[in-house]
PDB file of N, CA and C in Angstrom:
ATOM      1  N   MET A   1     -41.873   7.185 -38.371  1.00  0.00           N
ATOM      2  CA  MET A   1     -43.087   7.126 -39.145  1.00  0.00           C
ATOM      3  C   MET A   1     -42.802   6.308 -40.398  1.00  0.00           C
ATOM      4  N   SER A   2     -43.651   5.373 -40.744  1.00  0.00           N
ATOM      5  CA  SER A   2     -43.418   4.530 -41.902  1.00  0.00           C
ATOM      6  C   SER A   2     -44.081   5.114 -43.145  1.00  0.00           C
ATOM      7  N   ALA A   3     -43.582   4.726 -44.282  1.00  0.00           N
ATOM      8  CA  ALA A   3     -44.135   5.204 -45.550  1.00  0.00           C
ATOM      9  C   ALA A   3     -45.452   4.490 -45.830  1.00  0.00           C
ATOM     10  N   VAL A   4     -46.315   5.169 -46.540  1.00  0.00           N
ATOM     11  CA  VAL A   4     -47.594   4.579 -46.927  1.00  0.00           C
ATOM     12  C   VAL A   4     -47.353   3.674 -48.126  1.00  0.00           C
ATOM     13  N   THR A   5     -47.783   2.426 -47.998  1.00  0.00           N
ATOM     14  CA  THR A   5     -47.608   1.464 -49.082  1.00  0.00           C
ATOM     15  C   THR A   5     -48.976   1.013 -49.577  1.00  0.00           C
ATOM     16  N   ARG A   6     -48.985   0.422 -50.740  1.00  0.00           N
ATOM     17  CA  ARG A   6     -50.239  -0.095 -51.296  1.00  0.00           C
ATOM     18  C   ARG A   6     -50.841  -1.144 -50.355  1.00  0.00           C
ATOM     19  N   ARG A   7     -49.995  -2.011 -49.849  1.00  0.00           N
ATOM     20  CA  ARG A   7     -50.465  -3.061 -48.935  1.00  0.00           C
ATOM     21  C   ARG A   7     -51.056  -2.453 -47.659  1.00  0.00           C
ATOM     22  N   GLY A   8     -50.373  -1.426 -47.125  1.00  0.00           N
ATOM     23  CA  GLY A   8     -50.873  -0.751 -45.927  1.00  0.00           C
ATOM     24  C   GLY A   8     -52.225  -0.106 -46.161  1.00  0.00           C
ATOM     25  N   LEU A   9     -52.391   0.522 -47.330  1.00  0.00           N
ATOM     26  CA  LEU A   9     -53.671   1.145 -47.649  1.00  0.00           C
ATOM     27  C   LEU A   9     -54.776   0.101 -47.801  1.00  0.00           C
ATOM     28  N   LEU A  10     -54.462  -1.039 -48.424  1.00  0.00           N
ATOM     29  CA  LEU A  10     -55.460  -2.096 -48.552  1.00  0.00           C
ATOM     30  C   LEU A  10     -55.882  -2.635 -47.188  1.00  0.00           C
ATOM     31  N   LYS A  11     -54.872  -2.851 -46.319  1.00  0.00           N
ATOM     32  CA  LYS A  11     -55.183  -3.314 -44.957  1.00  0.00           C
ATOM     33  C   LYS A  11     -56.015  -2.285 -44.221  1.00  0.00           C
ATOM     34  N   ALA A  12     -55.645  -1.015 -44.354  1.00  0.00           N
ATOM     35  CA  ALA A  12     -56.380   0.058 -43.684  1.00  0.00           C
ATOM     36  C   ALA A  12     -57.811   0.117 -44.196  1.00  0.00           C
ATOM     37  N   GLY A  13     -57.984  -0.062 -45.488  1.00  0.00           N
ATOM     38  CA  GLY A  13     -59.324  -0.054 -46.066  1.00  0.00           C
ATOM     39  C   GLY A  13     -60.176  -1.187 -45.523  1.00  0.00           C
ATOM     40  N   ALA A  14     -59.565  -2.344 -45.356  1.00  0.00           N
ATOM     41  CA  ALA A  14     -60.309  -3.484 -44.815  1.00  0.00           C
ATOM     42  C   ALA A  14     -60.746  -3.234 -43.380  1.00  0.00           C
ATOM     43  N   VAL A  15     -59.840  -2.700 -42.561  1.00  0.00           N
ATOM     44  CA  VAL A  15     -60.185  -2.423 -41.164  1.00  0.00           C
ATOM     45  C   VAL A  15     -61.205  -1.295 -41.082  1.00  0.00           C
ATOM     46  N   ALA A  16     -61.006  -0.244 -41.877  1.00  0.00           N
ATOM     47  CA  ALA A  16     -61.950   0.872 -41.860  1.00  0.00           C
ATOM     48  C   ALA A  16     -63.310   0.417 -42.371  1.00  0.00           C
ATOM     49  N   GLY A  17     -63.311  -0.479 -43.358  1.00  0.00           N
ATOM     50  CA  GLY A  17     -64.576  -1.016 -43.852  1.00  0.00           C
ATOM     51  C   GLY A  17     -65.305  -1.770 -42.763  1.00  0.00           C
ATOM     52  N   ALA A  18     -64.563  -2.515 -41.980  1.00  0.00           N
ATOM     53  CA  ALA A  18     -65.176  -3.227 -40.856  1.00  0.00           C
ATOM     54  C   ALA A  18     -65.677  -2.243 -39.804  1.00  0.00           C
ATOM     55  N   ALA A  19     -64.976  -1.127 -39.661  1.00  0.00           N
ATOM     56  CA  ALA A  19     -65.387  -0.133 -38.669  1.00  0.00           C
ATOM     57  C   ALA A  19     -66.665   0.583 -39.079  1.00  0.00           C
ATOM     58  N   VAL A  20     -66.881   0.758 -40.395  1.00  0.00           N
ATOM     59  CA  VAL A  20     -68.094   1.449 -40.822  1.00  0.00           C
ATOM     60  C   VAL A  20     -69.238   0.489 -41.087  1.00  0.00           C
ATOM     61  N   ALA A  21     -68.948  -0.776 -41.221  1.00  0.00           N
ATOM     62  CA  ALA A  21     -70.015  -1.751 -41.395  1.00  0.00           C
ATOM     63  C   ALA A  21     -70.791  -1.858 -40.086  1.00  0.00           C
ATOM     64  N   VAL A  22     -71.929  -2.523 -40.126  1.00  0.00           N
ATOM     65  CA  VAL A  22     -72.724  -2.654 -38.906  1.00  0.00           C
ATOM     66  C   VAL A  22     -72.292  -3.926 -38.190  1.00  0.00           C
ATOM     67  N   PRO A  23     -71.326  -3.811 -37.252  1.00  0.00           N
ATOM     68  CA  PRO A  23     -70.857  -4.981 -36.532  1.00  0.00           C
ATOM     69  C   PRO A  23     -71.730  -5.260 -35.318  1.00  0.00           C
ATOM     70  N   ALA A  24     -71.211  -6.089 -34.421  1.00  0.00           N
ATOM     71  CA  ALA A  24     -71.959  -6.424 -33.207  1.00  0.00           C
ATOM     72  C   ALA A  24     -72.361  -5.182 -32.443  1.00  0.00           C
ATOM     73  N   GLY A  25     -71.551  -4.138 -32.511  1.00  0.00           N
ATOM     74  CA  GLY A  25     -71.875  -2.892 -31.825  1.00  0.00           C
ATOM     75  C   GLY A  25     -72.944  -2.072 -32.525  1.00  0.00           C
ATOM     76  N   ALA A  26     -73.420  -2.528 -33.680  1.00  0.00           N
ATOM     77  CA  ALA A  26     -74.468  -1.861 -34.445  1.00  0.00           C
ATOM     78  C   ALA A  26     -74.162  -0.388 -34.678  1.00  0.00           C
ATOM     79  N   MET A  27     -72.977  -0.122 -35.192  1.00  0.00           N
ATOM     80  CA  MET A  27     -72.571   1.259 -35.416  1.00  0.00           C
ATOM     81  C   MET A  27     -72.700   1.608 -36.892  1.00  0.00           C
ATOM     82  N   ALA A  28     -73.882   1.892 -37.343  1.00  0.00           N
ATOM     83  CA  ALA A  28     -74.082   2.304 -38.723  1.00  0.00           C
ATOM     84  C   ALA A  28     -73.606   3.740 -38.882  1.00  0.00           C
ATOM     85  N   PHE A  29     -72.960   4.048 -40.005  1.00  0.00           N
ATOM     86  CA  PHE A  29     -72.470   5.396 -40.236  1.00  0.00           C
ATOM     87  C   PHE A  29     -73.646   6.290 -40.593  1.00  0.00           C
ATOM     88  N   LYS A  30     -73.708   7.438 -39.953  1.00  0.00           N
ATOM     89  CA  LYS A  30     -74.795   8.379 -40.208  1.00  0.00           C
ATOM     90  C   LYS A  30     -74.371   9.340 -41.314  1.00  0.00           C
ATOM     91  N   THR A  31     -75.142   9.399 -42.381  1.00  0.00           N
ATOM     92  CA  THR A  31     -74.810  10.300 -43.477  1.00  0.00           C
ATOM     93  C   THR A  31     -74.962  11.743 -43.030  1.00  0.00           C
ATOM     94  N   GLY A  32     -74.121  12.597 -43.562  1.00  0.00           N
ATOM     95  CA  GLY A  32     -74.171  14.006 -43.200  1.00  0.00           C
ATOM     96  C   GLY A  32     -73.442  14.327 -41.907  1.00  0.00           C
ATOM     97  N   ALA A  33     -72.838  13.332 -41.304  1.00  0.00           N
ATOM     98  CA  ALA A  33     -72.121  13.552 -40.045  1.00  0.00           C
ATOM     99  C   ALA A  33     -70.746  14.144 -40.321  1.00  0.00           C
ATOM    100  N   LEU A  34     -70.255  14.875 -39.352  1.00  0.00           N
ATOM    101  CA  LEU A  34     -68.894  15.376 -39.402  1.00  0.00           C
ATOM    102  C   LEU A  34     -67.974  14.192 -39.095  1.00  0.00           C
ATOM    103  N   VAL A  35     -66.899  14.025 -39.857  1.00  0.00           N
ATOM    104  CA  VAL A  35     -65.999  12.890 -39.684  1.00  0.00           C
ATOM    105  C   VAL A  35     -64.691  13.368 -39.069  1.00  0.00           C
ATOM    106  N   VAL A  36     -64.289  12.742 -37.972  1.00  0.00           N
ATOM    107  CA  VAL A  36     -63.034  13.072 -37.304  1.00  0.00           C
ATOM    108  C   VAL A  36     -62.073  11.908 -37.527  1.00  0.00           C
ATOM    109  N   HIS A  37     -60.873  12.226 -38.028  1.00  0.00           N
ATOM    110  CA  HIS A  37     -59.878  11.186 -38.294  1.00  0.00           C
ATOM    111  C   HIS A  37     -58.475  11.738 -38.051  1.00  0.00           C
ATOM    112  N   ASP A  38     -57.512  10.851 -38.101  1.00  0.00           N
ATOM    113  CA  ASP A  38     -56.114  11.223 -37.938  1.00  0.00           C
ATOM    114  C   ASP A  38     -55.357  10.671 -39.138  1.00  0.00           C
ATOM    115  N   SER A  39     -54.943  11.539 -40.043  1.00  0.00           N
ATOM    116  CA  SER A  39     -54.311  11.067 -41.278  1.00  0.00           C
ATOM    117  C   SER A  39     -52.952  10.416 -41.041  1.00  0.00           C
ATOM    118  N   ARG A  40     -52.406  10.487 -39.815  1.00  0.00           N
ATOM    119  CA  ARG A  40     -51.158   9.782 -39.501  1.00  0.00           C
ATOM    120  C   ARG A  40     -51.412   8.296 -39.297  1.00  0.00           C
ATOM    121  N   GLU A  41     -52.651   7.922 -39.073  1.00  0.00           N
ATOM    122  CA  GLU A  41     -53.044   6.523 -38.873  1.00  0.00           C
ATOM    123  C   GLU A  41     -53.686   6.013 -40.164  1.00  0.00           C
ATOM    124  N   PRO A  42     -53.078   5.028 -40.845  1.00  0.00           N
ATOM    125  CA  PRO A  42     -53.635   4.555 -42.116  1.00  0.00           C
ATOM    126  C   PRO A  42     -55.095   4.101 -42.029  1.00  0.00           C
ATOM    127  N   HIS A  43     -55.472   3.419 -40.960  1.00  0.00           N
ATOM    128  CA  HIS A  43     -56.855   2.959 -40.818  1.00  0.00           C
ATOM    129  C   HIS A  43     -57.817   4.137 -40.690  1.00  0.00           C
ATOM    130  N   SER A  44     -57.416   5.130 -39.942  1.00  0.00           N
ATOM    131  CA  SER A  44     -58.254   6.302 -39.744  1.00  0.00           C
ATOM    132  C   SER A  44     -58.396   7.092 -41.043  1.00  0.00           C
ATOM    133  N   LEU A  45     -57.309   7.212 -41.790  1.00  0.00           N
ATOM    134  CA  LEU A  45     -57.343   7.911 -43.066  1.00  0.00           C
ATOM    135  C   LEU A  45     -58.259   7.181 -44.050  1.00  0.00           C
ATOM    136  N   ALA A  46     -58.162   5.864 -44.103  1.00  0.00           N
ATOM    137  CA  ALA A  46     -59.029   5.079 -44.981  1.00  0.00           C
ATOM    138  C   ALA A  46     -60.492   5.246 -44.575  1.00  0.00           C
ATOM    139  N   PHE A  47     -60.767   5.271 -43.282  1.00  0.00           N
ATOM    140  CA  PHE A  47     -62.119   5.494 -42.770  1.00  0.00           C
ATOM    141  C   PHE A  47     -62.663   6.820 -43.288  1.00  0.00           C
ATOM    142  N   ALA A  48     -61.865   7.876 -43.201  1.00  0.00           N
ATOM    143  CA  ALA A  48     -62.301   9.198 -43.660  1.00  0.00           C
ATOM    144  C   ALA A  48     -62.565   9.195 -45.160  1.00  0.00           C
ATOM    145  N   ARG A  49     -61.711   8.539 -45.909  1.00  0.00           N
ATOM    146  CA  ARG A  49     -61.900   8.488 -47.365  1.00  0.00           C
ATOM    147  C   ARG A  49     -63.141   7.692 -47.746  1.00  0.00           C
ATOM    148  N   MET A  50     -63.427   6.622 -47.012  1.00  0.00           N
ATOM    149  CA  MET A  50     -64.591   5.794 -47.310  1.00  0.00           C
ATOM    150  C   MET A  50     -65.893   6.524 -47.008  1.00  0.00           C
ATOM    151  N   THR A  51     -65.907   7.314 -45.958  1.00  0.00           N
ATOM    152  CA  THR A  51     -67.132   8.006 -45.588  1.00  0.00           C
ATOM    153  C   THR A  51     -67.409   9.171 -46.509  1.00  0.00           C
ATOM    154  N   GLY A  52     -66.341   9.789 -47.029  1.00  0.00           N
ATOM    155  CA  GLY A  52     -66.505  10.868 -47.980  1.00  0.00           C
ATOM    156  C   GLY A  52     -67.121  12.131 -47.406  1.00  0.00           C
ATOM    157  N   GLY A  53     -67.273  12.199 -46.116  1.00  0.00           N
ATOM    158  CA  GLY A  53     -67.889  13.367 -45.498  1.00  0.00           C
ATOM    159  C   GLY A  53     -66.900  14.473 -45.192  1.00  0.00           C
ATOM    160  N   THR A  54     -67.424  15.598 -44.785  1.00  0.00           N
ATOM    161  CA  THR A  54     -66.585  16.708 -44.339  1.00  0.00           C
ATOM    162  C   THR A  54     -65.941  16.280 -43.040  1.00  0.00           C
ATOM    163  N   GLY A  55     -64.747  16.717 -42.792  1.00  0.00           N
ATOM    164  CA  GLY A  55     -64.133  16.235 -41.587  1.00  0.00           C
ATOM    165  C   GLY A  55     -63.060  17.099 -40.989  1.00  0.00           C
ATOM    166  N   ILE A  56     -62.588  16.622 -39.850  1.00  0.00           N
ATOM    167  CA  ILE A  56     -61.510  17.259 -39.117  1.00  0.00           C
ATOM    168  C   ILE A  56     -60.375  16.254 -39.051  1.00  0.00           C
ATOM    169  N   ASP A  57     -59.190  16.689 -39.503  1.00  0.00           N
ATOM    170  CA  ASP A  57     -58.008  15.838 -39.463  1.00  0.00           C
ATOM    171  C   ASP A  57     -57.195  16.223 -38.226  1.00  0.00           C
ATOM    172  N   LEU A  58     -57.029  15.307 -37.299  1.00  0.00           N
ATOM    173  CA  LEU A  58     -56.316  15.578 -36.058  1.00  0.00           C
ATOM    174  C   LEU A  58     -54.798  15.668 -36.241  1.00  0.00           C
ATOM    175  N   ALA A  59     -54.306  15.446 -37.454  1.00  0.00           N
ATOM    176  CA  ALA A  59     -52.869  15.514 -37.700  1.00  0.00           C
ATOM    177  C   ALA A  59     -52.375  16.955 -37.841  1.00  0.00           C
ATOM    178  N   VAL A  60     -53.270  17.918 -37.858  1.00  0.00           N
ATOM    179  CA  VAL A  60     -52.853  19.320 -37.969  1.00  0.00           C
ATOM    180  C   VAL A  60     -52.270  19.786 -36.646  1.00  0.00           C
ATOM    181  N   GLU A  61     -51.702  20.951 -36.619  1.00  0.00           N
ATOM    182  CA  GLU A  61     -51.121  21.502 -35.393  1.00  0.00           C
ATOM    183  C   GLU A  61     -52.118  21.453 -34.239  1.00  0.00           C
ATOM    184  N   HIS A  62     -51.627  21.179 -33.046  1.00  0.00           N
ATOM    185  CA  HIS A  62     -52.484  21.037 -31.874  1.00  0.00           C
ATOM    186  C   HIS A  62     -53.372  22.268 -31.639  1.00  0.00           C
ATOM    187  N   ALA A  63     -52.840  23.446 -31.837  1.00  0.00           N
ATOM    188  CA  ALA A  63     -53.618  24.666 -31.597  1.00  0.00           C
ATOM    189  C   ALA A  63     -54.828  24.740 -32.522  1.00  0.00           C
ATOM    190  N   GLN A  64     -54.744  24.112 -33.688  1.00  0.00           N
ATOM    191  CA  GLN A  64     -55.838  24.168 -34.652  1.00  0.00           C
ATOM    192  C   GLN A  64     -56.821  23.010 -34.501  1.00  0.00           C
ATOM    193  N   ARG A  65     -56.456  21.973 -33.760  1.00  0.00           N
ATOM    194  CA  ARG A  65     -57.280  20.766 -33.672  1.00  0.00           C
ATOM    195  C   ARG A  65     -58.717  21.043 -33.249  1.00  0.00           C
ATOM    196  N   PHE A  66     -58.870  21.835 -32.208  1.00  0.00           N
ATOM    197  CA  PHE A  66     -60.208  22.026 -31.663  1.00  0.00           C
ATOM    198  C   PHE A  66     -60.807  23.379 -32.005  1.00  0.00           C
ATOM    199  N   ALA A  67     -60.128  24.169 -32.824  1.00  0.00           N
ATOM    200  CA  ALA A  67     -60.625  25.500 -33.158  1.00  0.00           C
ATOM    201  C   ALA A  67     -62.035  25.435 -33.757  1.00  0.00           C
ATOM    202  N   GLY A  68     -62.235  24.527 -34.694  1.00  0.00           N
ATOM    203  CA  GLY A  68     -63.557  24.379 -35.314  1.00  0.00           C
ATOM    204  C   GLY A  68     -64.600  23.885 -34.337  1.00  0.00           C
ATOM    205  N   LEU A  69     -64.195  23.018 -33.429  1.00  0.00           N
ATOM    206  CA  LEU A  69     -65.137  22.484 -32.449  1.00  0.00           C
ATOM    207  C   LEU A  69     -65.506  23.526 -31.399  1.00  0.00           C
ATOM    208  N   ARG A  70     -64.529  24.314 -30.962  1.00  0.00           N
ATOM    209  CA  ARG A  70     -64.796  25.326 -29.942  1.00  0.00           C
ATOM    210  C   ARG A  70     -65.696  26.431 -30.470  1.00  0.00           C
ATOM    211  N   ALA A  71     -65.622  26.671 -31.773  1.00  0.00           N
ATOM    212  CA  ALA A  71     -66.464  27.703 -32.384  1.00  0.00           C
ATOM    213  C   ALA A  71     -67.926  27.243 -32.411  1.00  0.00           C
ATOM    214  N   GLY A  72     -68.146  25.974 -32.200  1.00  0.00           N
ATOM    215  CA  GLY A  72     -69.507  25.431 -32.211  1.00  0.00           C
ATOM    216  C   GLY A  72     -69.797  24.766 -33.540  1.00  0.00           C
ATOM    217  N   LEU A  73     -70.581  23.721 -33.492  1.00  0.00           N
ATOM    218  CA  LEU A  73     -70.951  22.980 -34.688  1.00  0.00           C
ATOM    219  C   LEU A  73     -72.422  23.219 -34.988  1.00  0.00           C
ATOM    220  N   PRO A  74     -72.815  23.057 -36.247  1.00  0.00           N
ATOM    221  CA  PRO A  74     -74.225  23.245 -36.586  1.00  0.00           C
ATOM    222  C   PRO A  74     -75.112  22.275 -35.805  1.00  0.00           C
ATOM    223  N   LYS A  75     -76.236  22.751 -35.346  1.00  0.00           N
ATOM    224  CA  LYS A  75     -77.163  21.890 -34.593  1.00  0.00           C
ATOM    225  C   LYS A  75     -77.717  20.796 -35.500  1.00  0.00           C
ATOM    226  N   GLY A  76     -77.946  19.643 -34.902  1.00  0.00           N
ATOM    227  CA  GLY A  76     -78.521  18.527 -35.632  1.00  0.00           C
ATOM    228  C   GLY A  76     -77.526  17.699 -36.422  1.00  0.00           C
ATOM    229  N   ARG A  77     -76.267  18.045 -36.373  1.00  0.00           N
ATOM    230  CA  ARG A  77     -75.252  17.309 -37.120  1.00  0.00           C
ATOM    231  C   ARG A  77     -74.460  16.418 -36.182  1.00  0.00           C
ATOM    232  N   GLY A  78     -74.487  15.122 -36.416  1.00  0.00           N
ATOM    233  CA  GLY A  78     -73.751  14.186 -35.582  1.00  0.00           C
ATOM    234  C   GLY A  78     -72.281  14.160 -35.958  1.00  0.00           C
ATOM    235  N   ILE A  79     -71.508  13.445 -35.155  1.00  0.00           N
ATOM    236  CA  ILE A  79     -70.077  13.330 -35.384  1.00  0.00           C
ATOM    237  C   ILE A  79     -69.703  11.856 -35.326  1.00  0.00           C
ATOM    238  N   GLU A  80     -68.893  11.429 -36.293  1.00  0.00           N
ATOM    239  CA  GLU A  80     -68.391  10.064 -36.370  1.00  0.00           C
ATOM    240  C   GLU A  80     -66.874  10.128 -36.357  1.00  0.00           C
ATOM    241  N   GLY A  81     -66.222   9.194 -35.685  1.00  0.00           N
ATOM    242  CA  GLY A  81     -64.772   9.234 -35.657  1.00  0.00           C
ATOM    243  C   GLY A  81     -64.118   7.877 -35.549  1.00  0.00           C
ATOM    244  N   LEU A  82     -62.879   7.833 -35.996  1.00  0.00           N
ATOM    245  CA  LEU A  82     -62.005   6.675 -35.808  1.00  0.00           C
ATOM    246  C   LEU A  82     -60.653   7.276 -35.441  1.00  0.00           C
ATOM    247  N   THR A  83     -60.370   7.290 -34.131  1.00  0.00           N
ATOM    248  CA  THR A  83     -59.200   7.984 -33.605  1.00  0.00           C
ATOM    249  C   THR A  83     -58.522   7.157 -32.514  1.00  0.00           C
ATOM    250  N   ARG A  84     -57.400   7.668 -32.042  1.00  0.00           N
ATOM    251  CA  ARG A  84     -56.756   7.079 -30.866  1.00  0.00           C
ATOM    252  C   ARG A  84     -57.617   7.380 -29.647  1.00  0.00           C
ATOM    253  N   TRP A  85     -57.467   6.561 -28.615  1.00  0.00           N
ATOM    254  CA  TRP A  85     -58.241   6.747 -27.392  1.00  0.00           C
ATOM    255  C   TRP A  85     -58.007   8.130 -26.782  1.00  0.00           C
ATOM    256  N   SER A  86     -56.768   8.560 -26.706  1.00  0.00           N
ATOM    257  CA  SER A  86     -56.448   9.847 -26.084  1.00  0.00           C
ATOM    258  C   SER A  86     -57.105  11.017 -26.825  1.00  0.00           C
ATOM    259  N   ASP A  87     -57.125  10.957 -28.149  1.00  0.00           N
ATOM    260  CA  ASP A  87     -57.793  12.008 -28.923  1.00  0.00           C
ATOM    261  C   ASP A  87     -59.298  11.970 -28.690  1.00  0.00           C
ATOM    262  N   TYR A  88     -59.846  10.764 -28.648  1.00  0.00           N
ATOM    263  CA  TYR A  88     -61.285  10.607 -28.416  1.00  0.00           C
ATOM    264  C   TYR A  88     -61.687  11.205 -27.065  1.00  0.00           C
ATOM    265  N   VAL A  89     -60.907  10.944 -26.031  1.00  0.00           N
ATOM    266  CA  VAL A  89     -61.237  11.465 -24.701  1.00  0.00           C
ATOM    267  C   VAL A  89     -61.242  12.992 -24.709  1.00  0.00           C
ATOM    268  N   ALA A  90     -60.248  13.605 -25.338  1.00  0.00           N
ATOM    269  CA  ALA A  90     -60.186  15.070 -25.415  1.00  0.00           C
ATOM    270  C   ALA A  90     -61.352  15.628 -26.227  1.00  0.00           C
ATOM    271  N   LEU A  91     -61.651  14.998 -27.356  1.00  0.00           N
ATOM    272  CA  LEU A  91     -62.774  15.444 -28.182  1.00  0.00           C
ATOM    273  C   LEU A  91     -64.094  15.289 -27.447  1.00  0.00           C
ATOM    274  N   ARG A  92     -64.256  14.142 -26.804  1.00  0.00           N
ATOM    275  CA  ARG A  92     -65.501  13.866 -26.091  1.00  0.00           C
ATOM    276  C   ARG A  92     -65.753  14.915 -25.015  1.00  0.00           C
ATOM    277  N   ARG A  93     -64.714  15.307 -24.312  1.00  0.00           N
ATOM    278  CA  ARG A  93     -64.866  16.321 -23.263  1.00  0.00           C
ATOM    279  C   ARG A  93     -65.363  17.645 -23.843  1.00  0.00           C
ATOM    280  N   GLU A  94     -64.747  18.088 -24.935  1.00  0.00           N
ATOM    281  CA  GLU A  94     -65.150  19.344 -25.570  1.00  0.00           C
ATOM    282  C   GLU A  94     -66.572  19.250 -26.124  1.00  0.00           C
ATOM    283  N   LEU A  95     -66.895  18.116 -26.715  1.00  0.00           N
ATOM    284  CA  LEU A  95     -68.229  17.958 -27.296  1.00  0.00           C
ATOM    285  C   LEU A  95     -69.311  17.806 -26.228  1.00  0.00           C
ATOM    286  N   PHE A  96     -68.999  17.155 -25.112  1.00  0.00           N
ATOM    287  CA  PHE A  96     -69.942  17.095 -23.983  1.00  0.00           C
ATOM    288  C   PHE A  96     -70.294  18.508 -23.527  1.00  0.00           C
ATOM    289  N   ARG A  97     -69.273  19.367 -23.460  1.00  0.00           N
ATOM    290  CA  ARG A  97     -69.468  20.745 -23.040  1.00  0.00           C
ATOM    291  C   ARG A  97     -70.476  21.467 -23.940  1.00  0.00           C
ATOM    292  N   GLN A  98     -70.508  21.067 -25.209  1.00  0.00           N
ATOM    293  CA  GLN A  98     -71.421  21.683 -26.170  1.00  0.00           C
ATOM    294  C   GLN A  98     -72.769  20.973 -26.250  1.00  0.00           C
ATOM    295  N   GLY A  99     -72.960  19.922 -25.454  1.00  0.00           N
ATOM    296  CA  GLY A  99     -74.246  19.232 -25.421  1.00  0.00           C
ATOM    297  C   GLY A  99     -74.316  17.947 -26.225  1.00  0.00           C
ATOM    298  N   PHE A 100     -73.234  17.539 -26.877  1.00  0.00           N
ATOM    299  CA  PHE A 100     -73.228  16.284 -27.625  1.00  0.00           C
ATOM    300  C   PHE A 100     -73.204  15.112 -26.651  1.00  0.00           C
ATOM    301  N   ARG A 101     -73.739  13.971 -27.083  1.00  0.00           N
ATOM    302  CA  ARG A 101     -73.756  12.772 -26.258  1.00  0.00           C
ATOM    303  C   ARG A 101     -73.266  11.570 -27.058  1.00  0.00           C
ATOM    304  N   VAL A 102     -72.545  10.689 -26.387  1.00  0.00           N
ATOM    305  CA  VAL A 102     -72.025   9.473 -27.025  1.00  0.00           C
ATOM    306  C   VAL A 102     -73.188   8.548 -27.352  1.00  0.00           C
ATOM    307  N   THR A 103     -73.223   8.078 -28.599  1.00  0.00           N
ATOM    308  CA  THR A 103     -74.246   7.115 -28.988  1.00  0.00           C
ATOM    309  C   THR A 103     -73.653   5.725 -29.183  1.00  0.00           C
ATOM    310  N   ALA A 104     -72.338   5.657 -29.478  1.00  0.00           N
ATOM    311  CA  ALA A 104     -71.683   4.355 -29.650  1.00  0.00           C
ATOM    312  C   ALA A 104     -70.177   4.529 -29.581  1.00  0.00           C
ATOM    313  N   GLU A 105     -69.516   3.509 -29.103  1.00  0.00           N
ATOM    314  CA  GLU A 105     -68.056   3.457 -29.131  1.00  0.00           C
ATOM    315  C   GLU A 105     -67.633   2.002 -29.114  1.00  0.00           C
ATOM    316  N   ALA A 106     -66.635   1.676 -29.941  1.00  0.00           N
ATOM    317  CA  ALA A 106     -66.143   0.303 -30.034  1.00  0.00           C
ATOM    318  C   ALA A 106     -64.699   0.318 -30.501  1.00  0.00           C
ATOM    319  N   ARG A 107     -63.930  -0.620 -30.022  1.00  0.00           N
ATOM    320  CA  ARG A 107     -62.537  -0.757 -30.431  1.00  0.00           C
ATOM    321  C   ARG A 107     -62.478  -1.256 -31.874  1.00  0.00           C
ATOM    322  N   SER A 108     -61.544  -0.724 -32.627  1.00  0.00           N
ATOM    323  CA  SER A 108     -61.276  -1.188 -33.985  1.00  0.00           C
ATOM    324  C   SER A 108     -59.761  -1.265 -34.110  1.00  0.00           C
ATOM    325  N   GLY A 109     -59.198  -2.391 -33.719  1.00  0.00           N
ATOM    326  CA  GLY A 109     -57.747  -2.525 -33.673  1.00  0.00           C
ATOM    327  C   GLY A 109     -57.193  -1.646 -32.572  1.00  0.00           C
ATOM    328  N   ALA A 110     -56.199  -0.827 -32.894  1.00  0.00           N
ATOM    329  CA  ALA A 110     -55.593   0.066 -31.901  1.00  0.00           C
ATOM    330  C   ALA A 110     -56.368   1.376 -31.761  1.00  0.00           C
ATOM    331  N   LEU A 111     -57.383   1.560 -32.594  1.00  0.00           N
ATOM    332  CA  LEU A 111     -58.162   2.797 -32.577  1.00  0.00           C
ATOM    333  C   LEU A 111     -59.541   2.551 -31.975  1.00  0.00           C
ATOM    334  N   ILE A 112     -60.265   3.629 -31.771  1.00  0.00           N
ATOM    335  CA  ILE A 112     -61.635   3.510 -31.286  1.00  0.00           C
ATOM    336  C   ILE A 112     -62.573   4.174 -32.282  1.00  0.00           C
ATOM    337  N   ARG A 113     -63.623   3.461 -32.638  1.00  0.00           N
ATOM    338  CA  ARG A 113     -64.667   3.950 -33.539  1.00  0.00           C
ATOM    339  C   ARG A 113     -65.774   4.483 -32.658  1.00  0.00           C
ATOM    340  N   TRP A 114     -66.177   5.742 -32.863  1.00  0.00           N
ATOM    341  CA  TRP A 114     -67.166   6.354 -31.978  1.00  0.00           C
ATOM    342  C   TRP A 114     -68.142   7.238 -32.748  1.00  0.00           C
ATOM    343  N   SER A 115     -69.298   7.457 -32.127  1.00  0.00           N
ATOM    344  CA  SER A 115     -70.335   8.327 -32.686  1.00  0.00           C
ATOM    345  C   SER A 115     -70.898   9.176 -31.576  1.00  0.00           C
ATOM    346  N   MET A 116     -71.212  10.419 -31.898  1.00  0.00           N
ATOM    347  CA  MET A 116     -71.847  11.313 -30.933  1.00  0.00           C
ATOM    348  C   MET A 116     -73.018  12.006 -31.610  1.00  0.00           C
ATOM    349  N   ALA A 117     -74.100  12.142 -30.864  1.00  0.00           N
ATOM    350  CA  ALA A 117     -75.294  12.805 -31.371  1.00  0.00           C
ATOM    351  C   ALA A 117     -75.275  14.276 -30.999  1.00  0.00           C
ATOM    352  N   ALA A 118     -75.761  15.083 -31.900  1.00  0.00           N
ATOM    353  CA  ALA A 118     -75.792  16.528 -31.688  1.00  0.00           C
ATOM    354  C   ALA A 118     -76.870  16.911 -30.677  1.00  0.00           C
ATOM    355  N   PRO A 119     -76.681  18.042 -30.003  1.00  0.00           N
ATOM    356  CA  PRO A 119     -77.728  18.495 -29.090  1.00  0.00           C
ATOM    357  C   PRO A 119     -78.959  18.891 -29.883  1.00  0.00           C
ATOM    358  N   ARG A 120     -80.086  18.774 -29.252  1.00  0.00           N
ATOM    359  CA  ARG A 120     -81.340  19.136 -29.942  1.00  0.00           C
ATOM    360  C   ARG A 120     -81.717  20.552 -29.628  1.00  0.00           C
TER     361      ARG A 120
END
C-alpha cells in the first residue's frame, strides 16, 4: 500500500471531479444520496469528500461492509458510488434484493462510477 501524497490527492481529486461531472454518460450526482466509496482508493476517497454526503466506506472489516445495507435503507434515497468492479457487483446484488435499480454506470479509470435508484 502506498502513502498518500499531495500529488496523489490532487490527481484523485481531478479524476473524482470528472466522475461527478456530467460526462458523456450523463451521470449527474444526486443530492441527498448515500455515497459508497473505498478509502483505500485515492480516487474513491476524493469522490466521497467532494460529494460531502453520508456514506459507507468499504475499507472497513468485511463483516461490517453490508450491515447497514442489509438492515435496509430509507425509502426514496438513491445511492451513488465510485468503487472497484468486484465491490460494485456485490453491492448491486444486495441492493437489487431490496428493490434498488441501476440508473447509470461508467468506468472512471480502474474504478466504476455508478448510481442506483431507490424503490418506490
